[in-house]
Every structure is written in C-alpha cells, then in structure tokens.
Amino acid sequence: MHRIDRLTDAVYRAVRWLVLVMIVVGAFNALARYATRFTGVAMASNAALDIQWYMFATLFLLGAAHGLRHGFHVRVDVVFERLGTRAQAWIELVGTTFLAIPFCVLMLWTSWPAVRGSWAIREGSPDPGGLARWPIKAMLLVGFALLLLQAVAHLAAQVRRLRSAP
C-alpha cells in the first residue's frame, strides 16, 4: 500500500510541472492566433495546439490517482463530513469497491483495443503538422492503471481504518 502511495506521489511530482508549461503554451497559442489575424503570417501551429491538449490529458489522467490518494475527488461533503469515522470508511470502501475499481477495469478493458490499434499503425494527427496520437492514447492505459492501483491501496486503507475505528 505504501509503495503504491509513493508511486502516485512520484508521478504527481513529475507531471505537476506540466501545468506551468501548459499555461505558457496556451498563452503562446492564443497570442499566435491573435497575431496571425493582424500580420497575415500563420504563427500558430497544429503541433502547438496538440501539445497543449496532450499536456492537459496527461495531467488529468496521471493526476486522478493523486486526487484519490489525497481525497480531492468529488463527494457530497455536506453529508460526508458530518458522519463518524466508521461511516466515512464504509462509504469510501463501498464506493471504491463498487464504483472506482470497476470503472478503472472497464476503462482499461475498453481502451485497450483503441490503444493497441493506434500503436500498431503509429497513428498520427489528422491535422497537417499535428503530433502523433499513439503516445497520448497510451496515457489512457497508464492513467487508469495508476488510478486502479491507487484505488486498491485506498480500499486497503479503508479496511485498516474500519479495523482500528471504535
């Protein structure tokens, strides 16, 4: 369980810097499109647009496990926070067992054919000058596998929490 938590934290530390890079690229893309209107010279590129959403997708997919680990995921806090430790642990345990884990497994199972096909043909962008699509599609598998691992660690933590709660 602790190894999974450390892995999740390490991945988060590695990708969190993409937020800054994504903001810079996004600002460049906006300014380039604006400048193109006045200069008539195309300054924006499909590759720059692709990299911006690739970074966002990577942050979202790899950050989901970090969100689960640190309790940033969505829940009805108005009710949840008023419950006792055991009730909270039971809600987390049931939610993780019947929602989070099956969802991750479903996403891995349904994404696999698309990722495999994309890698097999080395899929590229349909836009001229765009980036390859196969690396970002692989992030689906990496992100949901990491989230699945973290969900298993979270499940174990809730079991431990139930055993130690009065």
Protein backbone atom coordinates (compact mmCIF):
# COMPACT_ATOMS: atom_id res chain seq x y z
CA MET A 1 0.00 0.00 0.00
CA HIS A 2 2.78 2.45 0.88
CA ARG A 3 4.65 1.63 -2.33
CA ILE A 4 1.58 2.50 -4.39
CA ASP A 5 1.18 5.76 -2.45
CA ARG A 6 4.83 6.61 -3.07
CA LEU A 7 4.46 5.79 -6.78
CA THR A 8 1.39 8.01 -7.05
CA ASP A 9 3.20 10.86 -5.31
CA ALA A 10 6.28 10.43 -7.51
CA VAL A 11 4.19 10.52 -10.70
CA TYR A 12 2.41 13.63 -9.44
CA ARG A 13 5.70 15.37 -8.65
CA ALA A 14 6.93 14.52 -12.15
CA VAL A 15 3.87 15.81 -14.03
CA ARG A 16 2.77 18.77 -11.92
CA TRP A 17 5.22 20.99 -13.78
CA LEU A 18 3.19 20.42 -16.91
CA VAL A 19 0.67 22.92 -15.54
CA LEU A 20 3.15 25.76 -15.94
CA VAL A 21 4.30 24.56 -19.36
CA MET A 22 0.69 24.13 -20.46
CA ILE A 23 -0.13 27.71 -19.42
CA VAL A 24 2.86 29.05 -21.35
CA VAL A 25 1.96 27.02 -24.45
CA GLY A 26 -1.69 28.05 -24.15
CA ALA A 27 -0.75 31.72 -23.88
CA PHE A 28 1.55 31.36 -26.88
CA ASN A 29 -1.22 29.69 -28.89
CA ALA A 30 -3.69 32.46 -28.04
CA LEU A 31 -1.21 35.22 -28.84
CA ALA A 32 -0.11 33.50 -32.04
CA ARG A 33 -3.70 33.21 -33.26
CA TYR A 34 -4.32 36.85 -32.37
CA ALA A 35 -1.11 37.98 -34.09
CA THR A 36 -1.96 35.94 -37.19
CA ARG A 37 -5.14 37.99 -37.65
CA PHE A 38 -3.13 41.20 -37.90
CA THR A 39 0.03 40.05 -39.63
CA GLY A 40 -1.37 37.52 -42.05
CA VAL A 41 1.55 35.24 -41.11
CA ALA A 42 0.50 31.93 -39.56
CA MET A 43 2.29 31.82 -36.22
CA ALA A 44 0.16 29.16 -34.58
CA SER A 45 0.63 25.51 -35.43
CA ASN A 46 -1.39 22.35 -35.07
CA ALA A 47 1.53 20.79 -33.18
CA ALA A 48 1.40 23.57 -30.57
CA LEU A 49 -2.36 23.07 -30.19
CA ASP A 50 -1.90 19.30 -29.95
CA ILE A 51 0.81 19.55 -27.30
CA GLN A 52 -1.42 21.80 -25.20
CA TRP A 53 -4.24 19.29 -25.02
CA TYR A 54 -1.77 16.39 -24.69
CA MET A 55 -0.38 18.03 -21.56
CA PHE A 56 -3.89 18.60 -20.21
CA ALA A 57 -4.85 14.97 -20.86
CA THR A 58 -1.64 13.76 -19.22
CA LEU A 59 -2.26 15.93 -16.15
CA PHE A 60 -5.83 14.76 -15.88
CA LEU A 61 -5.08 11.08 -16.36
CA LEU A 62 -1.99 10.91 -14.15
CA GLY A 63 -3.38 13.32 -11.57
CA ALA A 64 -6.53 11.30 -10.89
CA ALA A 65 -4.65 8.83 -8.68
CA HIS A 66 -3.13 11.72 -6.73
CA GLY A 67 -6.62 13.15 -6.25
CA LEU A 68 -7.88 9.84 -4.89
CA ARG A 69 -4.86 9.43 -2.63
CA HIS A 70 -5.32 12.84 -1.02
CA GLY A 71 -9.13 12.95 -1.00
CA PHE A 72 -9.55 15.59 -3.70
CA HIS A 73 -12.20 13.59 -5.55
CA VAL A 74 -15.80 14.74 -5.59
CA ARG A 75 -18.11 13.74 -2.80
CA VAL A 76 -21.04 15.29 -1.00
CA ASP A 77 -19.00 16.87 1.78
CA VAL A 78 -22.02 18.43 3.47
CA VAL A 79 -23.19 14.98 4.48
CA PHE A 80 -19.89 13.06 4.49
CA GLU A 81 -18.04 15.39 6.88
CA ARG A 82 -20.78 15.10 9.49
CA LEU A 83 -20.52 11.33 9.63
CA GLY A 84 -18.36 9.38 12.04
CA THR A 85 -15.07 7.73 11.13
CA ARG A 86 -16.63 4.29 10.65
CA ALA A 87 -19.45 5.58 8.44
CA GLN A 88 -16.95 7.54 6.32
CA ALA A 89 -14.75 4.46 5.97
CA TRP A 90 -17.75 2.34 4.94
CA ILE A 91 -18.80 4.88 2.30
CA GLU A 92 -15.25 5.02 0.94
CA LEU A 93 -14.96 1.22 0.98
CA VAL A 94 -18.27 0.66 -0.84
CA GLY A 95 -17.60 3.46 -3.33
CA THR A 96 -14.11 2.19 -4.08
CA THR A 97 -15.20 -1.44 -4.37
CA PHE A 98 -18.31 -0.94 -6.47
CA LEU A 99 -17.56 2.25 -8.39
CA ALA A 100 -13.88 3.21 -8.64
CA ILE A 101 -12.32 -0.21 -9.18
CA PRO A 102 -14.92 -1.47 -11.68
CA PHE A 103 -14.74 1.85 -13.56
CA CYS A 104 -10.94 1.59 -13.87
CA VAL A 105 -11.17 -2.02 -15.05
CA LEU A 106 -13.86 -1.08 -17.58
CA MET A 107 -11.79 1.83 -18.89
CA LEU A 108 -8.68 -0.35 -19.24
CA TRP A 109 -10.65 -3.08 -20.98
CA THR A 110 -12.44 -0.74 -23.40
CA SER A 111 -9.38 1.44 -24.09
CA TRP A 112 -7.00 -1.41 -24.84
CA PRO A 113 -8.18 -2.10 -28.44
CA ALA A 114 -8.00 1.58 -29.41
CA VAL A 115 -4.55 2.00 -27.86
CA ARG A 116 -3.28 -1.22 -29.42
CA GLY A 117 -4.60 -0.21 -32.84
CA SER A 118 -3.15 3.28 -32.54
CA TRP A 119 0.29 1.90 -31.66
CA ALA A 120 0.11 -0.71 -34.43
CA ILE A 121 -0.36 1.91 -37.12
CA ARG A 122 1.64 4.65 -35.35
CA GLU A 123 -1.43 6.85 -35.59
CA GLY A 124 -0.82 10.47 -36.35
CA SER A 125 -2.90 13.61 -36.15
CA PRO A 126 -5.46 14.12 -38.90
CA ASP A 127 -4.44 17.79 -38.90
CA PRO A 128 -1.47 18.89 -41.03
CA GLY A 129 1.60 19.35 -38.86
CA GLY A 130 -0.07 17.74 -35.85
CA LEU A 131 1.59 15.34 -33.45
CA ALA A 132 1.45 11.56 -33.27
CA ARG A 133 -1.65 10.29 -31.44
CA TRP A 134 -0.35 6.92 -30.29
CA PRO A 135 1.71 8.22 -27.32
CA ILE A 136 -1.18 10.17 -25.81
CA LYS A 137 -3.56 7.27 -26.29
CA ALA A 138 -1.18 5.13 -24.25
CA MET A 139 -1.71 7.59 -21.39
CA LEU A 140 -5.23 6.18 -21.10
CA LEU A 141 -3.80 2.84 -20.02
CA VAL A 142 -1.12 4.36 -17.81
CA GLY A 143 -3.54 6.75 -16.12
CA PHE A 144 -6.26 4.19 -15.42
CA ALA A 145 -3.73 1.56 -14.31
CA LEU A 146 -2.27 4.04 -11.82
CA LEU A 147 -5.76 5.00 -10.65
CA LEU A 148 -6.65 1.32 -10.26
CA LEU A 149 -3.53 0.70 -8.16
CA GLN A 150 -4.34 3.71 -6.01
CA ALA A 151 -7.95 2.54 -5.63
CA VAL A 152 -6.70 -0.81 -4.34
CA ALA A 153 -4.41 1.00 -1.87
CA HIS A 154 -7.34 3.22 -0.87
CA LEU A 155 -9.52 0.15 -0.34
CA ALA A 156 -6.86 -1.39 1.91
CA ALA A 157 -6.60 1.88 3.87
CA GLN A 158 -10.36 1.87 4.45
CA VAL A 159 -10.27 -1.71 5.69
CA ARG A 160 -7.46 -0.75 8.08
CA ARG A 161 -9.45 2.33 9.13
CA LEU A 162 -12.52 0.19 9.89
CA ARG A 163 -10.47 -2.26 11.93
CA SER A 164 -8.93 0.48 14.06
CA ALA A 165 -12.03 2.71 14.47
CA PRO A 166 -14.03 2.35 17.69
